[in-house]
Amino acid sequence: MSCMEIALDLDQLLRSAIEHKQLIRFTYKGNERVVEPHDYGIQSGNRIPGWRMIDVAGIQNCEMLDKHFAGNREVSGRHHRWDEVFIRVAPPAK
């Protein structure tokens, strides 16, 4: 699989995980992480899923888990400014 195909697969996985509010697991800088992806966009020229900022280029072995999360949370403090937001998690269902 080429680097371009891997990047497209990861892009689709991130978008789907945010849309369906599913946890993802991946390796980043040698550490395994399980996260709730909330925002996905470009900041300072890098593709980054937000809250805790992670550069997509550094993500390895990413998979979507069968576990869901509630949705976005109220913003407290400073909110990240995006150059462009591709997708943002919807509020929790009421």
N, C-alpha and C. Protein backbone atom coordinates (compact mmCIF):
# COMPACT_ATOMS: atom_id res chain seq x y z
N MET A 1 0.86 -1.18 0.00
CA MET A 1 0.00 0.00 0.00
C MET A 1 0.90 1.24 0.00
N SER A 2 0.60 2.19 -0.85
CA SER A 2 1.41 3.40 -0.95
C SER A 2 1.12 4.36 0.20
N CYS A 3 2.01 5.33 0.39
CA CYS A 3 1.81 6.35 1.43
C CYS A 3 0.53 7.13 1.19
N MET A 4 0.21 7.39 -0.08
CA MET A 4 -1.02 8.13 -0.41
C MET A 4 -2.25 7.32 -0.04
N GLU A 5 -2.24 6.01 -0.30
CA GLU A 5 -3.37 5.15 0.07
C GLU A 5 -3.53 5.07 1.58
N ILE A 6 -2.42 4.99 2.29
CA ILE A 6 -2.47 4.97 3.76
C ILE A 6 -3.05 6.27 4.29
N ALA A 7 -2.63 7.40 3.73
CA ALA A 7 -3.15 8.72 4.17
C ALA A 7 -4.64 8.83 3.90
N LEU A 8 -5.11 8.34 2.74
CA LEU A 8 -6.54 8.40 2.43
C LEU A 8 -7.34 7.50 3.36
N ASP A 9 -6.81 6.30 3.65
CA ASP A 9 -7.49 5.39 4.57
C ASP A 9 -7.59 6.01 5.96
N LEU A 10 -6.52 6.64 6.43
CA LEU A 10 -6.53 7.27 7.75
C LEU A 10 -7.50 8.45 7.77
N ASP A 11 -7.52 9.24 6.70
CA ASP A 11 -8.46 10.36 6.60
C ASP A 11 -9.90 9.85 6.72
N GLN A 12 -10.23 8.81 5.99
CA GLN A 12 -11.59 8.25 6.03
C GLN A 12 -11.91 7.67 7.40
N LEU A 13 -10.93 7.00 8.02
CA LEU A 13 -11.14 6.43 9.34
C LEU A 13 -11.42 7.53 10.37
N LEU A 14 -10.64 8.61 10.35
CA LEU A 14 -10.84 9.71 11.29
C LEU A 14 -12.20 10.36 11.10
N ARG A 15 -12.58 10.60 9.87
CA ARG A 15 -13.88 11.21 9.60
C ARG A 15 -15.02 10.30 10.08
N SER A 16 -14.92 9.01 9.82
CA SER A 16 -15.95 8.07 10.22
C SER A 16 -16.03 7.96 11.75
N ALA A 17 -14.88 7.91 12.41
CA ALA A 17 -14.86 7.82 13.87
C ALA A 17 -15.52 9.04 14.50
N ILE A 18 -15.26 10.22 13.97
CA ILE A 18 -15.88 11.45 14.50
C ILE A 18 -17.38 11.45 14.22
N GLU A 19 -17.75 11.11 13.00
CA GLU A 19 -19.18 11.09 12.64
C GLU A 19 -19.97 10.12 13.51
N HIS A 20 -19.40 8.96 13.80
CA HIS A 20 -20.10 7.92 14.55
C HIS A 20 -19.74 7.89 16.03
N LYS A 21 -18.92 8.85 16.46
CA LYS A 21 -18.50 8.99 17.87
C LYS A 21 -17.92 7.69 18.41
N GLN A 22 -16.91 7.18 17.68
CA GLN A 22 -16.25 5.95 18.08
C GLN A 22 -14.80 6.23 18.47
N LEU A 23 -14.35 5.52 19.52
CA LEU A 23 -12.96 5.64 19.95
C LEU A 23 -12.04 5.09 18.88
N ILE A 24 -10.83 5.62 18.84
CA ILE A 24 -9.79 5.08 17.96
C ILE A 24 -8.56 4.76 18.81
N ARG A 25 -7.80 3.76 18.32
CA ARG A 25 -6.55 3.37 18.97
C ARG A 25 -5.45 3.49 17.92
N PHE A 26 -4.30 4.03 18.32
CA PHE A 26 -3.17 4.16 17.41
C PHE A 26 -1.88 4.30 18.20
N THR A 27 -0.78 4.22 17.47
CA THR A 27 0.54 4.45 18.05
C THR A 27 0.99 5.84 17.61
N TYR A 28 1.51 6.62 18.57
CA TYR A 28 1.98 7.98 18.28
C TYR A 28 3.24 8.22 19.11
N LYS A 29 4.34 8.49 18.43
CA LYS A 29 5.63 8.71 19.09
C LYS A 29 5.98 7.55 20.03
N GLY A 30 5.71 6.33 19.56
CA GLY A 30 6.08 5.14 20.31
C GLY A 30 5.12 4.74 21.41
N ASN A 31 4.04 5.49 21.62
CA ASN A 31 3.09 5.19 22.68
C ASN A 31 1.73 4.83 22.09
N GLU A 32 1.10 3.80 22.65
CA GLU A 32 -0.26 3.47 22.24
C GLU A 32 -1.23 4.43 22.90
N ARG A 33 -2.19 4.90 22.14
CA ARG A 33 -3.19 5.83 22.65
C ARG A 33 -4.58 5.37 22.23
N VAL A 34 -5.55 5.55 23.12
CA VAL A 34 -6.96 5.35 22.82
C VAL A 34 -7.62 6.69 23.06
N VAL A 35 -8.28 7.24 22.03
CA VAL A 35 -8.78 8.61 22.12
C VAL A 35 -10.20 8.75 21.59
N GLU A 36 -10.86 9.82 22.03
CA GLU A 36 -12.14 10.27 21.49
C GLU A 36 -11.82 11.36 20.48
N PRO A 37 -11.91 11.09 19.19
CA PRO A 37 -11.61 12.14 18.21
C PRO A 37 -12.77 13.14 18.13
N HIS A 38 -12.51 14.41 18.40
CA HIS A 38 -13.55 15.43 18.43
C HIS A 38 -13.53 16.36 17.22
N ASP A 39 -12.38 16.86 16.88
CA ASP A 39 -12.23 17.77 15.74
C ASP A 39 -11.16 17.19 14.82
N TYR A 40 -11.29 17.52 13.54
CA TYR A 40 -10.27 17.11 12.58
C TYR A 40 -10.17 18.23 11.57
N GLY A 41 -8.96 18.76 11.41
CA GLY A 41 -8.79 19.87 10.50
C GLY A 41 -7.34 20.21 10.29
N ILE A 42 -7.11 21.42 9.81
CA ILE A 42 -5.76 21.91 9.54
C ILE A 42 -5.48 23.09 10.46
N GLN A 43 -4.33 23.01 11.13
CA GLN A 43 -3.86 24.11 11.96
C GLN A 43 -2.39 24.32 11.64
N SER A 44 -2.05 25.52 11.25
CA SER A 44 -0.67 25.86 10.88
C SER A 44 -0.11 24.93 9.82
N GLY A 45 -0.98 24.54 8.88
CA GLY A 45 -0.55 23.72 7.75
C GLY A 45 -0.50 22.22 8.02
N ASN A 46 -0.86 21.76 9.23
CA ASN A 46 -0.83 20.34 9.55
C ASN A 46 -2.23 19.81 9.77
N ARG A 47 -2.48 18.58 9.30
CA ARG A 47 -3.76 17.91 9.55
C ARG A 47 -3.73 17.39 10.97
N ILE A 48 -4.70 17.81 11.77
CA ILE A 48 -4.66 17.51 13.20
C ILE A 48 -6.06 17.18 13.70
N PRO A 49 -6.25 16.01 14.35
CA PRO A 49 -7.49 15.81 15.08
C PRO A 49 -7.35 16.48 16.44
N GLY A 50 -8.33 17.25 16.87
CA GLY A 50 -8.14 18.03 18.08
C GLY A 50 -8.81 17.43 19.28
N TRP A 51 -8.51 17.86 20.21
CA TRP A 51 -8.47 18.46 21.52
C TRP A 51 -7.03 18.49 21.92
N ARG A 52 -6.50 17.39 22.28
CA ARG A 52 -5.04 17.34 22.42
C ARG A 52 -4.54 17.15 21.00
N MET A 53 -3.75 18.05 20.58
CA MET A 53 -3.36 18.08 19.18
C MET A 53 -2.38 16.97 18.84
N ILE A 54 -2.70 16.25 17.77
CA ILE A 54 -1.86 15.17 17.28
C ILE A 54 -1.72 15.35 15.78
N ASP A 55 -0.49 15.39 15.31
CA ASP A 55 -0.23 15.53 13.88
C ASP A 55 -0.51 14.18 13.21
N VAL A 56 -1.45 14.16 12.29
CA VAL A 56 -1.86 12.93 11.62
C VAL A 56 -0.67 12.21 10.99
N ALA A 57 0.31 12.96 10.53
CA ALA A 57 1.48 12.35 9.89
C ALA A 57 2.23 11.41 10.85
N GLY A 58 2.07 11.59 12.15
CA GLY A 58 2.76 10.75 13.13
C GLY A 58 1.96 9.56 13.62
N ILE A 59 0.71 9.42 13.15
CA ILE A 59 -0.14 8.31 13.59
C ILE A 59 0.22 7.03 12.83
N GLN A 60 0.36 5.93 13.59
CA GLN A 60 0.63 4.62 12.99
C GLN A 60 -0.36 3.61 13.55
N ASN A 61 -0.66 2.58 12.77
CA ASN A 61 -1.49 1.45 13.20
C ASN A 61 -2.82 1.90 13.79
N CYS A 62 -3.50 2.78 13.11
CA CYS A 62 -4.76 3.33 13.61
C CYS A 62 -5.92 2.39 13.31
N GLU A 63 -6.77 2.20 14.32
CA GLU A 63 -7.98 1.39 14.13
C GLU A 63 -9.13 2.00 14.91
N MET A 64 -10.32 1.85 14.36
CA MET A 64 -11.53 2.31 15.04
C MET A 64 -12.03 1.18 15.93
N LEU A 65 -12.39 1.51 17.16
CA LEU A 65 -12.88 0.53 18.12
C LEU A 65 -14.40 0.48 18.09
N ASP A 66 -14.96 -0.58 18.66
CA ASP A 66 -16.41 -0.72 18.72
C ASP A 66 -17.03 0.10 19.86
N LYS A 67 -16.21 0.76 20.64
CA LYS A 67 -16.68 1.54 21.79
C LYS A 67 -16.99 2.97 21.37
N HIS A 68 -18.12 3.50 21.83
CA HIS A 68 -18.57 4.85 21.48
C HIS A 68 -18.35 5.81 22.65
N PHE A 69 -18.35 7.11 22.33
CA PHE A 69 -18.33 8.15 23.36
C PHE A 69 -19.52 9.07 23.14
N ALA A 70 -19.87 9.88 24.16
CA ALA A 70 -21.13 10.64 24.15
C ALA A 70 -21.18 11.74 23.09
N GLY A 71 -20.10 12.43 22.86
CA GLY A 71 -20.10 13.56 21.93
C GLY A 71 -19.27 14.69 22.48
N ASN A 72 -19.48 15.89 21.95
CA ASN A 72 -18.64 16.99 22.39
C ASN A 72 -18.95 17.42 23.82
N ARG A 73 -18.05 18.19 24.36
CA ARG A 73 -18.20 18.71 25.71
C ARG A 73 -18.20 20.22 25.63
N GLU A 74 -18.71 20.85 26.68
CA GLU A 74 -18.67 22.31 26.70
C GLU A 74 -17.22 22.77 26.72
N VAL A 75 -16.95 23.83 26.00
CA VAL A 75 -15.60 24.38 25.91
C VAL A 75 -15.30 25.16 27.18
N SER A 76 -14.17 24.85 27.77
CA SER A 76 -13.72 25.62 28.93
C SER A 76 -12.34 26.17 28.61
N GLY A 77 -12.09 27.39 28.98
CA GLY A 77 -10.79 27.99 28.68
C GLY A 77 -10.68 28.36 27.22
N ARG A 78 -9.46 28.31 26.70
CA ARG A 78 -9.21 28.67 25.31
C ARG A 78 -9.53 27.51 24.38
N HIS A 79 -10.21 27.81 23.29
CA HIS A 79 -10.52 26.80 22.29
C HIS A 79 -9.51 26.96 21.15
N HIS A 80 -9.09 25.85 20.58
CA HIS A 80 -8.11 25.90 19.49
C HIS A 80 -8.68 26.62 18.28
N ARG A 81 -7.86 27.40 17.63
CA ARG A 81 -8.26 28.05 16.38
C ARG A 81 -7.75 27.20 15.22
N TRP A 82 -8.64 26.94 14.29
CA TRP A 82 -8.34 26.11 13.13
C TRP A 82 -8.20 26.97 11.89
N ASP A 83 -7.30 26.58 10.99
CA ASP A 83 -7.26 27.19 9.66
C ASP A 83 -8.47 26.69 8.87
N GLU A 84 -8.76 25.40 9.02
CA GLU A 84 -9.91 24.77 8.36
C GLU A 84 -10.34 23.57 9.19
N VAL A 85 -11.64 23.42 9.43
CA VAL A 85 -12.17 22.25 10.14
C VAL A 85 -12.85 21.36 9.11
N PHE A 86 -12.42 20.09 9.04
CA PHE A 86 -13.03 19.13 8.12
C PHE A 86 -14.33 18.58 8.72
N ILE A 87 -14.27 18.21 10.00
CA ILE A 87 -15.40 17.61 10.66
C ILE A 87 -15.24 17.82 12.16
N ARG A 88 -16.37 18.00 12.85
CA ARG A 88 -16.40 18.20 14.29
C ARG A 88 -17.48 17.29 14.86
N VAL A 89 -17.21 16.69 16.01
CA VAL A 89 -18.17 15.78 16.63
C VAL A 89 -19.45 16.52 17.01
N ALA A 90 -20.57 15.86 16.84
CA ALA A 90 -21.87 16.45 17.18
C ALA A 90 -22.09 16.42 18.69
N PRO A 91 -22.98 17.28 19.19
CA PRO A 91 -23.30 17.27 20.62
C PRO A 91 -23.92 15.93 21.03
N PRO A 92 -23.84 15.59 22.32
CA PRO A 92 -24.47 14.34 22.78
C PRO A 92 -25.98 14.36 22.51
N ALA A 93 -26.52 13.18 22.24
CA ALA A 93 -27.98 13.07 22.03
C ALA A 93 -28.68 13.32 23.36
N LYS A 94 -29.81 14.01 23.28
CA LYS A 94 -30.55 14.31 24.53
C LYS A 94 -31.74 13.43 24.65
